[in-house]
């Protein structure tokens, strides 16, 4: 009977101590998805700045726009071609609304840049 009580006590203590151990944190990757989006967005802003002059407010707004673009493109896994084109259309309309007609025409005339900004 004593052995049975000792065995039960041992299992209770072992079970309780196993639950109180802190889990080891997983290794943190060097770049989180947010920082990847920020890096890509910053590249788009830099490319745009090379073509036109941007104010600090415009740079901040464009960076946020491009971060949202990359987030939309990657948050739901693989998107259909139609969905990607819809996102590109949205980004294009936001660029058009942000800049005056002459500046937007200059951006759109650079086909490679406009493609990289919207897709």
PDB file of N, CA and C in Angstrom:
ATOM      1  N   UNK A   1       0.801  -1.176   0.000  1.00  0.00           N
ATOM      2  CA  UNK A   1       0.000   0.000   0.000  1.00  0.00           C
ATOM      3  C   UNK A   1       0.862   1.265   0.000  1.00  0.00           C
ATOM      4  N   UNK A   2       1.960   1.227   0.794  1.00  0.00           N
ATOM      5  CA  UNK A   2       2.871   2.368   0.837  1.00  0.00           C
ATOM      6  C   UNK A   2       3.494   2.597  -0.534  1.00  0.00           C
ATOM      7  N   UNK A   3       3.843   1.492  -1.188  1.00  0.00           N
ATOM      8  CA  UNK A   3       4.470   1.618  -2.511  1.00  0.00           C
ATOM      9  C   UNK A   3       3.494   2.239  -3.510  1.00  0.00           C
ATOM     10  N   UNK A   4       2.246   1.885  -3.405  1.00  0.00           N
ATOM     11  CA  UNK A   4       1.235   2.436  -4.295  1.00  0.00           C
ATOM     12  C   UNK A   4       1.067   3.944  -4.053  1.00  0.00           C
ATOM     13  N   UNK A   5       1.039   4.370  -2.810  1.00  0.00           N
ATOM     14  CA  UNK A   5       0.925   5.784  -2.482  1.00  0.00           C
ATOM     15  C   UNK A   5       2.163   6.551  -2.936  1.00  0.00           C
ATOM     16  N   UNK A   6       3.341   5.966  -2.761  1.00  0.00           N
ATOM     17  CA  UNK A   6       4.574   6.604  -3.194  1.00  0.00           C
ATOM     18  C   UNK A   6       4.577   6.751  -4.716  1.00  0.00           C
ATOM     19  N   UNK A   7       4.130   5.715  -5.411  1.00  0.00           N
ATOM     20  CA  UNK A   7       4.091   5.763  -6.872  1.00  0.00           C
ATOM     21  C   UNK A   7       3.108   6.837  -7.344  1.00  0.00           C
ATOM     22  N   UNK A   8       1.929   6.928  -6.745  1.00  0.00           N
ATOM     23  CA  UNK A   8       0.953   7.950  -7.113  1.00  0.00           C
ATOM     24  C   UNK A   8       1.489   9.352  -6.824  1.00  0.00           C
ATOM     25  N   UNK A   9       2.133   9.521  -5.697  1.00  0.00           N
ATOM     26  CA  UNK A   9       2.715  10.811  -5.345  1.00  0.00           C
ATOM     27  C   UNK A   9       3.818  11.188  -6.345  1.00  0.00           C
ATOM     28  N   UNK A  10       4.611  10.215  -6.711  1.00  0.00           N
ATOM     29  CA  UNK A  10       5.680  10.458  -7.686  1.00  0.00           C
ATOM     30  C   UNK A  10       5.102  10.913  -9.024  1.00  0.00           C
ATOM     31  N   UNK A  11       4.053  10.246  -9.509  1.00  0.00           N
ATOM     32  CA  UNK A  11       3.441  10.619 -10.781  1.00  0.00           C
ATOM     33  C   UNK A  11       2.781  11.992 -10.707  1.00  0.00           C
ATOM     34  N   UNK A  12       2.194  12.311  -9.581  1.00  0.00           N
ATOM     35  CA  UNK A  12       1.563  13.618  -9.415  1.00  0.00           C
ATOM     36  C   UNK A  12       2.606  14.724  -9.446  1.00  0.00           C
ATOM     37  N   UNK A  13       3.725  14.521  -8.753  1.00  0.00           N
ATOM     38  CA  UNK A  13       4.796  15.523  -8.733  1.00  0.00           C
ATOM     39  C   UNK A  13       5.438  15.634 -10.113  1.00  0.00           C
ATOM     40  N   UNK A  14       5.690  14.501 -10.752  1.00  0.00           N
ATOM     41  CA  UNK A  14       6.310  14.515 -12.082  1.00  0.00           C
ATOM     42  C   UNK A  14       5.393  15.206 -13.089  1.00  0.00           C
ATOM     43  N   UNK A  15       4.105  14.952 -13.007  1.00  0.00           N
ATOM     44  CA  UNK A  15       3.152  15.589 -13.919  1.00  0.00           C
ATOM     45  C   UNK A  15       3.051  17.078 -13.694  1.00  0.00           C
ATOM     46  N   UNK A  16       3.048  17.486 -12.447  1.00  0.00           N
ATOM     47  CA  UNK A  16       2.959  18.911 -12.122  1.00  0.00           C
ATOM     48  C   UNK A  16       4.220  19.647 -12.549  1.00  0.00           C
ATOM     49  N   UNK A  17       5.377  19.039 -12.353  1.00  0.00           N
ATOM     50  CA  UNK A  17       6.614  19.715 -12.735  1.00  0.00           C
ATOM     51  C   UNK A  17       6.762  19.780 -14.247  1.00  0.00           C
ATOM     52  N   UNK A  18       6.223  18.817 -14.975  1.00  0.00           N
ATOM     53  CA  UNK A  18       6.299  18.843 -16.434  1.00  0.00           C
ATOM     54  C   UNK A  18       5.465  19.983 -16.994  1.00  0.00           C
ATOM     55  N   UNK A  19       4.365  20.316 -16.325  1.00  0.00           N
ATOM     56  CA  UNK A  19       3.506  21.396 -16.802  1.00  0.00           C
ATOM     57  C   UNK A  19       4.043  22.768 -16.441  1.00  0.00           C
ATOM     58  N   UNK A  20       4.884  22.869 -15.443  1.00  0.00           N
ATOM     59  CA  UNK A  20       5.387  24.174 -15.031  1.00  0.00           C
ATOM     60  C   UNK A  20       6.647  24.580 -15.775  1.00  0.00           C
ATOM     61  N   UNK A  21       7.230  23.682 -16.552  1.00  0.00           N
ATOM     62  CA  UNK A  21       8.430  24.042 -17.303  1.00  0.00           C
ATOM     63  C   UNK A  21       8.063  25.024 -18.410  1.00  0.00           C
ATOM     64  N   UNK A  22       8.865  26.065 -18.532  1.00  0.00           N
ATOM     65  CA  UNK A  22       8.623  27.052 -19.575  1.00  0.00           C
ATOM     66  C   UNK A  22       9.049  26.485 -20.919  1.00  0.00           C
ATOM     67  N   UNK A  23       8.251  26.765 -21.914  1.00  0.00           N
ATOM     68  CA  UNK A  23       8.576  26.293 -23.257  1.00  0.00           C
ATOM     69  C   UNK A  23       9.754  27.103 -23.789  1.00  0.00           C
ATOM     70  N   UNK A  24      10.629  26.442 -24.476  1.00  0.00           N
ATOM     71  CA  UNK A  24      11.773  27.119 -25.071  1.00  0.00           C
ATOM     72  C   UNK A  24      11.295  27.942 -26.262  1.00  0.00           C
ATOM     73  N   UNK A  25      11.701  29.206 -26.354  1.00  0.00           N
ATOM     74  CA  UNK A  25      11.259  30.012 -27.490  1.00  0.00           C
ATOM     75  C   UNK A  25      11.868  29.499 -28.789  1.00  0.00           C
ATOM     76  N   UNK A  26      11.078  29.598 -29.839  1.00  0.00           N
ATOM     77  CA  UNK A  26      11.577  29.182 -31.141  1.00  0.00           C
ATOM     78  C   UNK A  26      12.575  30.208 -31.645  1.00  0.00           C
ATOM     79  N   UNK A  27      13.442  29.760 -32.505  1.00  0.00           N
ATOM     80  CA  UNK A  27      14.437  30.669 -33.058  1.00  0.00           C
ATOM     81  C   UNK A  27      13.733  31.747 -33.877  1.00  0.00           C
ATOM     82  N   UNK A  28      14.147  32.970 -33.692  1.00  0.00           N
ATOM     83  CA  UNK A  28      13.553  34.084 -34.413  1.00  0.00           C
ATOM     84  C   UNK A  28      14.283  34.232 -35.735  1.00  0.00           C
ATOM     85  N   UNK A  29      13.500  34.352 -36.806  1.00  0.00           N
ATOM     86  CA  UNK A  29      14.116  34.517 -38.117  1.00  0.00           C
ATOM     87  C   UNK A  29      14.693  35.915 -38.220  1.00  0.00           C
ATOM     88  N   UNK A  30      15.641  36.081 -39.113  1.00  0.00           N
ATOM     89  CA  UNK A  30      16.302  37.370 -39.237  1.00  0.00           C
ATOM     90  C   UNK A  30      15.393  38.420 -39.849  1.00  0.00           C
ATOM     91  N   UNK A  31      14.479  38.011 -40.741  1.00  0.00           N
ATOM     92  CA  UNK A  31      13.553  38.964 -41.325  1.00  0.00           C
ATOM     93  C   UNK A  31      12.133  38.452 -41.173  1.00  0.00           C
ATOM     94  N   UNK A  32      11.322  39.247 -40.527  1.00  0.00           N
ATOM     95  CA  UNK A  32       9.919  38.892 -40.413  1.00  0.00           C
ATOM     96  C   UNK A  32       9.224  39.336 -41.698  1.00  0.00           C
ATOM     97  N   UNK A  33       8.042  38.799 -41.985  1.00  0.00           N
ATOM     98  CA  UNK A  33       7.354  39.219 -43.204  1.00  0.00           C
ATOM     99  C   UNK A  33       7.114  40.723 -43.275  1.00  0.00           C
ATOM    100  N   UNK A  34       6.893  41.355 -42.140  1.00  0.00           N
ATOM    101  CA  UNK A  34       6.673  42.798 -42.154  1.00  0.00           C
ATOM    102  C   UNK A  34       7.921  43.521 -42.645  1.00  0.00           C
ATOM    103  N   UNK A  35       9.090  43.118 -42.176  1.00  0.00           N
ATOM    104  CA  UNK A  35      10.306  43.795 -42.611  1.00  0.00           C
ATOM    105  C   UNK A  35      10.605  43.515 -44.073  1.00  0.00           C
ATOM    106  N   UNK A  36      10.198  42.362 -44.575  1.00  0.00           N
ATOM    107  CA  UNK A  36      10.363  42.065 -45.999  1.00  0.00           C
ATOM    108  C   UNK A  36       9.481  43.007 -46.804  1.00  0.00           C
ATOM    109  N   UNK A  37       8.235  43.192 -46.351  1.00  0.00           N
ATOM    110  CA  UNK A  37       7.328  44.116 -47.034  1.00  0.00           C
ATOM    111  C   UNK A  37       7.876  45.536 -46.993  1.00  0.00           C
ATOM    112  N   UNK A  38       8.424  45.924 -45.845  1.00  0.00           N
ATOM    113  CA  UNK A  38       8.980  47.275 -45.722  1.00  0.00           C
ATOM    114  C   UNK A  38      10.164  47.474 -46.651  1.00  0.00           C
ATOM    115  N   UNK A  39      11.008  46.459 -46.785  1.00  0.00           N
ATOM    116  CA  UNK A  39      12.172  46.571 -47.664  1.00  0.00           C
ATOM    117  C   UNK A  39      11.737  46.716 -49.121  1.00  0.00           C
ATOM    118  N   UNK A  40      10.756  45.917 -49.524  1.00  0.00           N
ATOM    119  CA  UNK A  40      10.252  46.009 -50.895  1.00  0.00           C
ATOM    120  C   UNK A  40       9.567  47.358 -51.131  1.00  0.00           C
ATOM    121  N   UNK A  41       8.812  47.814 -50.146  1.00  0.00           N
ATOM    122  CA  UNK A  41       8.128  49.099 -50.268  1.00  0.00           C
ATOM    123  C   UNK A  41       9.140  50.238 -50.357  1.00  0.00           C
ATOM    124  N   UNK A  42      10.195  50.158 -49.568  1.00  0.00           N
ATOM    125  CA  UNK A  42      11.220  51.200 -49.609  1.00  0.00           C
ATOM    126  C   UNK A  42      11.898  51.231 -50.974  1.00  0.00           C
ATOM    127  N   UNK A  43      12.101  50.071 -51.584  1.00  0.00           N
ATOM    128  CA  UNK A  43      12.691  50.020 -52.925  1.00  0.00           C
ATOM    129  C   UNK A  43      11.766  50.702 -53.927  1.00  0.00           C
ATOM    130  N   UNK A  44      10.451  50.456 -53.811  1.00  0.00           N
ATOM    131  CA  UNK A  44       9.505  51.136 -54.701  1.00  0.00           C
ATOM    132  C   UNK A  44       9.537  52.645 -54.499  1.00  0.00           C
ATOM    133  N   UNK A  45       9.611  53.086 -53.250  1.00  0.00           N
ATOM    134  CA  UNK A  45       9.682  54.521 -52.959  1.00  0.00           C
ATOM    135  C   UNK A  45      10.961  55.110 -53.533  1.00  0.00           C
ATOM    136  N   UNK A  46      12.084  54.399 -53.383  1.00  0.00           N
ATOM    137  CA  UNK A  46      13.355  54.884 -53.919  1.00  0.00           C
ATOM    138  C   UNK A  46      13.304  54.983 -55.437  1.00  0.00           C
ATOM    139  N   UNK A  47      12.701  53.988 -56.088  1.00  0.00           N
ATOM    140  CA  UNK A  47      12.566  54.024 -57.548  1.00  0.00           C
ATOM    141  C   UNK A  47      11.706  55.210 -57.982  1.00  0.00           C
ATOM    142  N   UNK A  48      10.627  55.454 -57.254  1.00  0.00           N
ATOM    143  CA  UNK A  48       9.740  56.572 -57.565  1.00  0.00           C
ATOM    144  C   UNK A  48      10.444  57.901 -57.327  1.00  0.00           C
ATOM    145  N   UNK A  49      11.219  57.980 -56.253  1.00  0.00           N
ATOM    146  CA  UNK A  49      11.954  59.204 -55.938  1.00  0.00           C
ATOM    147  C   UNK A  49      13.017  59.506 -56.989  1.00  0.00           C
ATOM    148  N   UNK A  50      13.557  58.468 -57.600  1.00  0.00           N
ATOM    149  CA  UNK A  50      14.550  58.685 -58.656  1.00  0.00           C
ATOM    150  C   UNK A  50      13.912  59.356 -59.876  1.00  0.00           C
ATOM    151  N   UNK A  51      12.628  59.145 -60.087  1.00  0.00           N
ATOM    152  CA  UNK A  51      11.945  59.726 -61.243  1.00  0.00           C
ATOM    153  C   UNK A  51      11.359  61.097 -60.925  1.00  0.00           C
ATOM    154  N   UNK A  52      10.722  61.218 -59.765  1.00  0.00           N
ATOM    155  CA  UNK A  52      10.094  62.492 -59.385  1.00  0.00           C
ATOM    156  C   UNK A  52      10.519  62.861 -57.966  1.00  0.00           C
ATOM    157  N   UNK A  53      10.404  64.130 -57.645  1.00  0.00           N
ATOM    158  CA  UNK A  53      10.726  64.585 -56.292  1.00  0.00           C
ATOM    159  C   UNK A  53       9.509  64.375 -55.392  1.00  0.00           C
ATOM    160  N   UNK A  54       9.742  63.762 -54.248  1.00  0.00           N
ATOM    161  CA  UNK A  54       8.669  63.500 -53.288  1.00  0.00           C
ATOM    162  C   UNK A  54       8.928  64.271 -52.003  1.00  0.00           C
ATOM    163  N   UNK A  55       7.872  64.808 -51.420  1.00  0.00           N
ATOM    164  CA  UNK A  55       7.992  65.435 -50.113  1.00  0.00           C
ATOM    165  C   UNK A  55       8.088  64.332 -49.059  1.00  0.00           C
ATOM    166  N   UNK A  56       8.546  64.654 -47.855  1.00  0.00           N
ATOM    167  CA  UNK A  56       8.589  63.629 -46.803  1.00  0.00           C
ATOM    168  C   UNK A  56       7.221  62.992 -46.520  1.00  0.00           C
ATOM    169  N   UNK A  57       6.153  63.799 -46.570  1.00  0.00           N
ATOM    170  CA  UNK A  57       4.810  63.238 -46.374  1.00  0.00           C
ATOM    171  C   UNK A  57       4.447  62.274 -47.489  1.00  0.00           C
ATOM    172  N   UNK A  58       4.775  62.641 -48.723  1.00  0.00           N
ATOM    173  CA  UNK A  58       4.480  61.764 -49.859  1.00  0.00           C
ATOM    174  C   UNK A  58       5.283  60.466 -49.756  1.00  0.00           C
ATOM    175  N   UNK A  59       6.537  60.577 -49.315  1.00  0.00           N
ATOM    176  CA  UNK A  59       7.349  59.368 -49.149  1.00  0.00           C
ATOM    177  C   UNK A  59       6.717  58.429 -48.128  1.00  0.00           C
ATOM    178  N   UNK A  60       6.279  58.994 -47.025  1.00  0.00           N
ATOM    179  CA  UNK A  60       5.646  58.187 -45.987  1.00  0.00           C
ATOM    180  C   UNK A  60       4.358  57.551 -46.500  1.00  0.00           C
ATOM    181  N   UNK A  61       3.543  58.336 -47.200  1.00  0.00           N
ATOM    182  CA  UNK A  61       2.289  57.809 -47.744  1.00  0.00           C
ATOM    183  C   UNK A  61       2.533  56.722 -48.780  1.00  0.00           C
ATOM    184  N   UNK A  62       3.512  56.951 -49.657  1.00  0.00           N
ATOM    185  CA  UNK A  62       3.811  55.962 -50.693  1.00  0.00           C
ATOM    186  C   UNK A  62       4.364  54.677 -50.073  1.00  0.00           C
ATOM    187  N   UNK A  63       5.194  54.813 -49.048  1.00  0.00           N
ATOM    188  CA  UNK A  63       5.732  53.621 -48.394  1.00  0.00           C
ATOM    189  C   UNK A  63       4.602  52.802 -47.777  1.00  0.00           C
ATOM    190  N   UNK A  64       3.670  53.476 -47.125  1.00  0.00           N
ATOM    191  CA  UNK A  64       2.532  52.770 -46.526  1.00  0.00           C
ATOM    192  C   UNK A  64       1.668  52.124 -47.599  1.00  0.00           C
ATOM    193  N   UNK A  65       1.468  52.812 -48.707  1.00  0.00           N
ATOM    194  CA  UNK A  65       0.696  52.254 -49.821  1.00  0.00           C
ATOM    195  C   UNK A  65       1.352  50.984 -50.355  1.00  0.00           C
ATOM    196  N   UNK A  66       2.669  51.026 -50.531  1.00  0.00           N
ATOM    197  CA  UNK A  66       3.372  49.870 -51.080  1.00  0.00           C
ATOM    198  C   UNK A  66       3.458  48.723 -50.065  1.00  0.00           C
ATOM    199  N   UNK A  67       3.565  49.042 -48.786  1.00  0.00           N
ATOM    200  CA  UNK A  67       3.529  47.982 -47.758  1.00  0.00           C
ATOM    201  C   UNK A  67       2.180  47.270 -47.819  1.00  0.00           C
ATOM    202  N   UNK A  68       1.105  48.050 -47.923  1.00  0.00           N
ATOM    203  CA  UNK A  68      -0.228  47.449 -48.033  1.00  0.00           C
ATOM    204  C   UNK A  68      -0.356  46.618 -49.301  1.00  0.00           C
ATOM    205  N   UNK A  69       0.249  47.093 -50.396  1.00  0.00           N
ATOM    206  CA  UNK A  69       0.210  46.334 -51.649  1.00  0.00           C
ATOM    207  C   UNK A  69       0.867  44.974 -51.464  1.00  0.00           C
ATOM    208  N   UNK A  70       2.053  44.952 -50.903  1.00  0.00           N
ATOM    209  CA  UNK A  70       2.763  43.677 -50.720  1.00  0.00           C
ATOM    210  C   UNK A  70       2.038  42.784 -49.708  1.00  0.00           C
ATOM    211  N   UNK A  71       1.432  43.378 -48.717  1.00  0.00           N
ATOM    212  CA  UNK A  71       0.666  42.598 -47.745  1.00  0.00           C
ATOM    213  C   UNK A  71      -0.538  41.949 -48.433  1.00  0.00           C
ATOM    214  N   UNK A  72      -1.247  42.719 -49.266  1.00  0.00           N
ATOM    215  CA  UNK A  72      -2.401  42.164 -49.982  1.00  0.00           C
ATOM    216  C   UNK A  72      -1.984  41.045 -50.931  1.00  0.00           C
ATOM    217  N   UNK A  73      -0.821  41.201 -51.554  1.00  0.00           N
ATOM    218  CA  UNK A  73      -0.376  40.198 -52.514  1.00  0.00           C
ATOM    219  C   UNK A  73       0.059  38.899 -51.852  1.00  0.00           C
ATOM    220  N   UNK A  74       0.445  38.951 -50.573  1.00  0.00           N
ATOM    221  CA  UNK A  74       0.993  37.753 -49.931  1.00  0.00           C
ATOM    222  C   UNK A  74       0.151  37.192 -48.795  1.00  0.00           C
ATOM    223  N   UNK A  75      -0.837  37.928 -48.312  1.00  0.00           N
ATOM    224  CA  UNK A  75      -1.530  37.480 -47.107  1.00  0.00           C
ATOM    225  C   UNK A  75      -2.399  36.250 -47.316  1.00  0.00           C
ATOM    226  N   UNK A  76      -2.924  36.022 -48.476  1.00  0.00           N
ATOM    227  CA  UNK A  76      -3.819  34.892 -48.699  1.00  0.00           C
ATOM    228  C   UNK A  76      -3.189  33.810 -49.563  1.00  0.00           C
ATOM    229  N   UNK A  77      -1.904  33.710 -49.560  1.00  0.00           N
ATOM    230  CA  UNK A  77      -1.235  32.695 -50.360  1.00  0.00           C
ATOM    231  C   UNK A  77      -1.207  33.096 -51.826  1.00  0.00           C
ATOM    232  N   UNK A  78      -1.322  32.123 -52.688  1.00  0.00           N
ATOM    233  CA  UNK A  78      -1.257  32.370 -54.125  1.00  0.00           C
ATOM    234  C   UNK A  78      -2.577  32.959 -54.614  1.00  0.00           C
ATOM    235  N   UNK A  79      -2.513  34.145 -55.217  1.00  0.00           N
ATOM    236  CA  UNK A  79      -3.704  34.813 -55.720  1.00  0.00           C
ATOM    237  C   UNK A  79      -3.882  34.523 -57.201  1.00  0.00           C
ATOM    238  N   UNK A  80      -5.108  34.608 -57.647  1.00  0.00           N
ATOM    239  CA  UNK A  80      -5.381  34.417 -59.067  1.00  0.00           C
ATOM    240  C   UNK A  80      -4.876  35.632 -59.850  1.00  0.00           C
ATOM    241  N   UNK A  81      -4.724  35.450 -61.146  1.00  0.00           N
ATOM    242  CA  UNK A  81      -4.256  36.533 -62.010  1.00  0.00           C
ATOM    243  C   UNK A  81      -5.237  37.705 -61.967  1.00  0.00           C
ATOM    244  N   UNK A  82      -6.527  37.409 -61.923  1.00  0.00           N
ATOM    245  CA  UNK A  82      -7.542  38.461 -61.877  1.00  0.00           C
ATOM    246  C   UNK A  82      -7.438  39.283 -60.594  1.00  0.00           C
ATOM    247  N   UNK A  83      -7.193  38.612 -59.478  1.00  0.00           N
ATOM    248  CA  UNK A  83      -7.068  39.308 -58.195  1.00  0.00           C
ATOM    249  C   UNK A  83      -5.824  40.198 -58.186  1.00  0.00           C
ATOM    250  N   UNK A  84      -4.720  39.690 -58.737  1.00  0.00           N
ATOM    251  CA  UNK A  84      -3.499  40.496 -58.800  1.00  0.00           C
ATOM    252  C   UNK A  84      -3.714  41.727 -59.673  1.00  0.00           C
ATOM    253  N   UNK A  85      -4.424  41.561 -60.781  1.00  0.00           N
ATOM    254  CA  UNK A  85      -4.702  42.702 -61.652  1.00  0.00           C
ATOM    255  C   UNK A  85      -5.620  43.707 -60.960  1.00  0.00           C
ATOM    256  N   UNK A  86      -6.555  43.214 -60.180  1.00  0.00           N
ATOM    257  CA  UNK A  86      -7.445  44.107 -59.427  1.00  0.00           C
ATOM    258  C   UNK A  86      -6.646  44.934 -58.415  1.00  0.00           C
ATOM    259  N   UNK A  87      -5.716  44.298 -57.733  1.00  0.00           N
ATOM    260  CA  UNK A  87      -4.850  45.019 -56.778  1.00  0.00           C
ATOM    261  C   UNK A  87      -4.003  46.040 -57.517  1.00  0.00           C
ATOM    262  N   UNK A  88      -3.471  45.677 -58.687  1.00  0.00           N
ATOM    263  CA  UNK A  88      -2.670  46.614 -59.490  1.00  0.00           C
ATOM    264  C   UNK A  88      -3.512  47.817 -59.917  1.00  0.00           C
ATOM    265  N   UNK A  89      -4.774  47.571 -60.257  1.00  0.00           N
ATOM    266  CA  UNK A  89      -5.672  48.660 -60.643  1.00  0.00           C
ATOM    267  C   UNK A  89      -5.916  49.600 -59.461  1.00  0.00           C
ATOM    268  N   UNK A  90      -6.114  49.037 -58.291  1.00  0.00           N
ATOM    269  CA  UNK A  90      -6.319  49.848 -57.087  1.00  0.00           C
ATOM    270  C   UNK A  90      -5.098  50.723 -56.819  1.00  0.00           C
ATOM    271  N   UNK A  91      -3.912  50.132 -56.884  1.00  0.00           N
ATOM    272  CA  UNK A  91      -2.681  50.893 -56.632  1.00  0.00           C
ATOM    273  C   UNK A  91      -2.529  51.994 -57.678  1.00  0.00           C
ATOM    274  N   UNK A  92      -2.812  51.678 -58.946  1.00  0.00           N
ATOM    275  CA  UNK A  92      -2.727  52.674 -60.012  1.00  0.00           C
ATOM    276  C   UNK A  92      -3.666  53.845 -59.768  1.00  0.00           C
ATOM    277  N   UNK A  93      -4.886  53.553 -59.329  1.00  0.00           N
ATOM    278  CA  UNK A  93      -5.857  54.627 -59.056  1.00  0.00           C
ATOM    279  C   UNK A  93      -5.430  55.473 -57.856  1.00  0.00           C
ATOM    280  N   UNK A  94      -4.834  54.836 -56.867  1.00  0.00           N
ATOM    281  CA  UNK A  94      -4.351  55.600 -55.709  1.00  0.00           C
ATOM    282  C   UNK A  94      -3.172  56.485 -56.095  1.00  0.00           C
ATOM    283  N   UNK A  95      -2.302  55.993 -56.969  1.00  0.00           N
ATOM    284  CA  UNK A  95      -1.200  56.828 -57.458  1.00  0.00           C
ATOM    285  C   UNK A  95      -1.751  58.010 -58.248  1.00  0.00           C
ATOM    286  N   UNK A  96      -2.731  57.736 -59.093  1.00  0.00           N
ATOM    287  CA  UNK A  96      -3.331  58.798 -59.904  1.00  0.00           C
ATOM    288  C   UNK A  96      -4.002  59.848 -59.020  1.00  0.00           C
ATOM    289  N   UNK A  97      -4.638  59.424 -57.944  1.00  0.00           N
ATOM    290  CA  UNK A  97      -5.301  60.359 -57.038  1.00  0.00           C
ATOM    291  C   UNK A  97      -4.295  61.159 -56.212  1.00  0.00           C
ATOM    292  N   UNK A  98      -3.128  60.589 -55.975  1.00  0.00           N
ATOM    293  CA  UNK A  98      -2.132  61.250 -55.131  1.00  0.00           C
ATOM    294  C   UNK A  98      -1.391  62.364 -55.869  1.00  0.00           C
ATOM    295  N   UNK A  99      -1.052  62.109 -57.123  1.00  0.00           N
ATOM    296  CA  UNK A  99      -0.224  63.056 -57.875  1.00  0.00           C
ATOM    297  C   UNK A  99      -1.065  63.852 -58.861  1.00  0.00           C
ATOM    298  N   UNK A 100      -0.536  65.037 -59.243  1.00  0.00           N
ATOM    299  CA  UNK A 100      -1.242  65.819 -60.245  1.00  0.00           C
ATOM    300  C   UNK A 100      -1.101  65.132 -61.612  1.00  0.00           C
ATOM    301  N   UNK A 101      -1.817  65.635 -62.597  1.00  0.00           N
ATOM    302  CA  UNK A 101      -1.891  64.972 -63.906  1.00  0.00           C
ATOM    303  C   UNK A 101      -0.524  64.874 -64.588  1.00  0.00           C
ATOM    304  N   UNK A 102       0.262  65.947 -64.524  1.00  0.00           N
ATOM    305  CA  UNK A 102       1.571  65.934 -65.180  1.00  0.00           C
ATOM    306  C   UNK A 102       2.512  64.920 -64.532  1.00  0.00           C
ATOM    307  N   UNK A 103       2.526  64.904 -63.203  1.00  0.00           N
ATOM    308  CA  UNK A 103       3.401  63.977 -62.481  1.00  0.00           C
ATOM    309  C   UNK A 103       2.968  62.537 -62.724  1.00  0.00           C
ATOM    310  N   UNK A 104       1.664  62.280 -62.697  1.00  0.00           N
ATOM    311  CA  UNK A 104       1.187  60.923 -62.941  1.00  0.00           C
ATOM    312  C   UNK A 104       1.498  60.488 -64.376  1.00  0.00           C
ATOM    313  N   UNK A 105       1.368  61.419 -65.328  1.00  0.00           N
ATOM    314  CA  UNK A 105       1.704  61.089 -66.718  1.00  0.00           C
ATOM    315  C   UNK A 105       3.184  60.725 -66.844  1.00  0.00           C
ATOM    316  N   UNK A 106       4.020  61.419 -66.095  1.00  0.00           N
ATOM    317  CA  UNK A 106       5.453  61.117 -66.110  1.00  0.00           C
ATOM    318  C   UNK A 106       5.720  59.727 -65.534  1.00  0.00           C
ATOM    319  N   UNK A 107       5.025  59.387 -64.462  1.00  0.00           N
ATOM    320  CA  UNK A 107       5.181  58.054 -63.855  1.00  0.00           C
ATOM    321  C   UNK A 107       4.692  56.984 -64.816  1.00  0.00           C
ATOM    322  N   UNK A 108       3.530  57.213 -65.424  1.00  0.00           N
ATOM    323  CA  UNK A 108       2.939  56.214 -66.304  1.00  0.00           C
ATOM    324  C   UNK A 108       3.732  56.072 -67.601  1.00  0.00           C
ATOM    325  N   UNK A 109       4.426  57.132 -68.020  1.00  0.00           N
ATOM    326  CA  UNK A 109       5.218  57.047 -69.252  1.00  0.00           C
ATOM    327  C   UNK A 109       6.428  56.131 -69.083  1.00  0.00           C
ATOM    328  N   UNK A 110       6.889  55.969 -67.856  1.00  0.00           N
ATOM    329  CA  UNK A 110       7.965  55.013 -67.573  1.00  0.00           C
ATOM    330  C   UNK A 110       7.301  53.659 -67.304  1.00  0.00           C
ATOM    331  N   UNK A 111       7.111  52.889 -68.372  1.00  0.00           N
ATOM    332  CA  UNK A 111       6.325  51.650 -68.290  1.00  0.00           C
ATOM    333  C   UNK A 111       6.909  50.660 -67.281  1.00  0.00           C
ATOM    334  N   UNK A 112       8.216  50.501 -67.270  1.00  0.00           N
ATOM    335  CA  UNK A 112       8.838  49.531 -66.357  1.00  0.00           C
ATOM    336  C   UNK A 112       8.625  49.951 -64.902  1.00  0.00           C
ATOM    337  N   UNK A 113       8.776  51.237 -64.630  1.00  0.00           N
ATOM    338  CA  UNK A 113       8.571  51.725 -63.266  1.00  0.00           C
ATOM    339  C   UNK A 113       7.113  51.578 -62.853  1.00  0.00           C
ATOM    340  N   UNK A 114       6.200  51.972 -63.729  1.00  0.00           N
ATOM    341  CA  UNK A 114       4.772  51.870 -63.400  1.00  0.00           C
ATOM    342  C   UNK A 114       4.380  50.413 -63.151  1.00  0.00           C
ATOM    343  N   UNK A 115       4.920  49.521 -63.951  1.00  0.00           N
ATOM    344  CA  UNK A 115       4.646  48.088 -63.765  1.00  0.00           C
ATOM    345  C   UNK A 115       5.161  47.613 -62.407  1.00  0.00           C
ATOM    346  N   UNK A 116       6.366  48.019 -62.030  1.00  0.00           N
ATOM    347  CA  UNK A 116       6.921  47.570 -60.746  1.00  0.00           C
ATOM    348  C   UNK A 116       6.191  48.197 -59.559  1.00  0.00           C
ATOM    349  N   UNK A 117       5.668  49.421 -59.734  1.00  0.00           N
ATOM    350  CA  UNK A 117       4.949  50.072 -58.645  1.00  0.00           C
ATOM    351  C   UNK A 117       3.570  49.452 -58.419  1.00  0.00           C
ATOM    352  N   UNK A 118       2.925  49.036 -59.485  1.00  0.00           N
ATOM    353  CA  UNK A 118       1.560  48.534 -59.347  1.00  0.00           C
ATOM    354  C   UNK A 118       1.473  47.022 -59.183  1.00  0.00           C
ATOM    355  N   UNK A 119       2.473  46.287 -59.588  1.00  0.00           N
ATOM    356  CA  UNK A 119       2.399  44.817 -59.508  1.00  0.00           C
ATOM    357  C   UNK A 119       3.320  44.265 -58.443  1.00  0.00           C
TER     358      UNK A 119
END
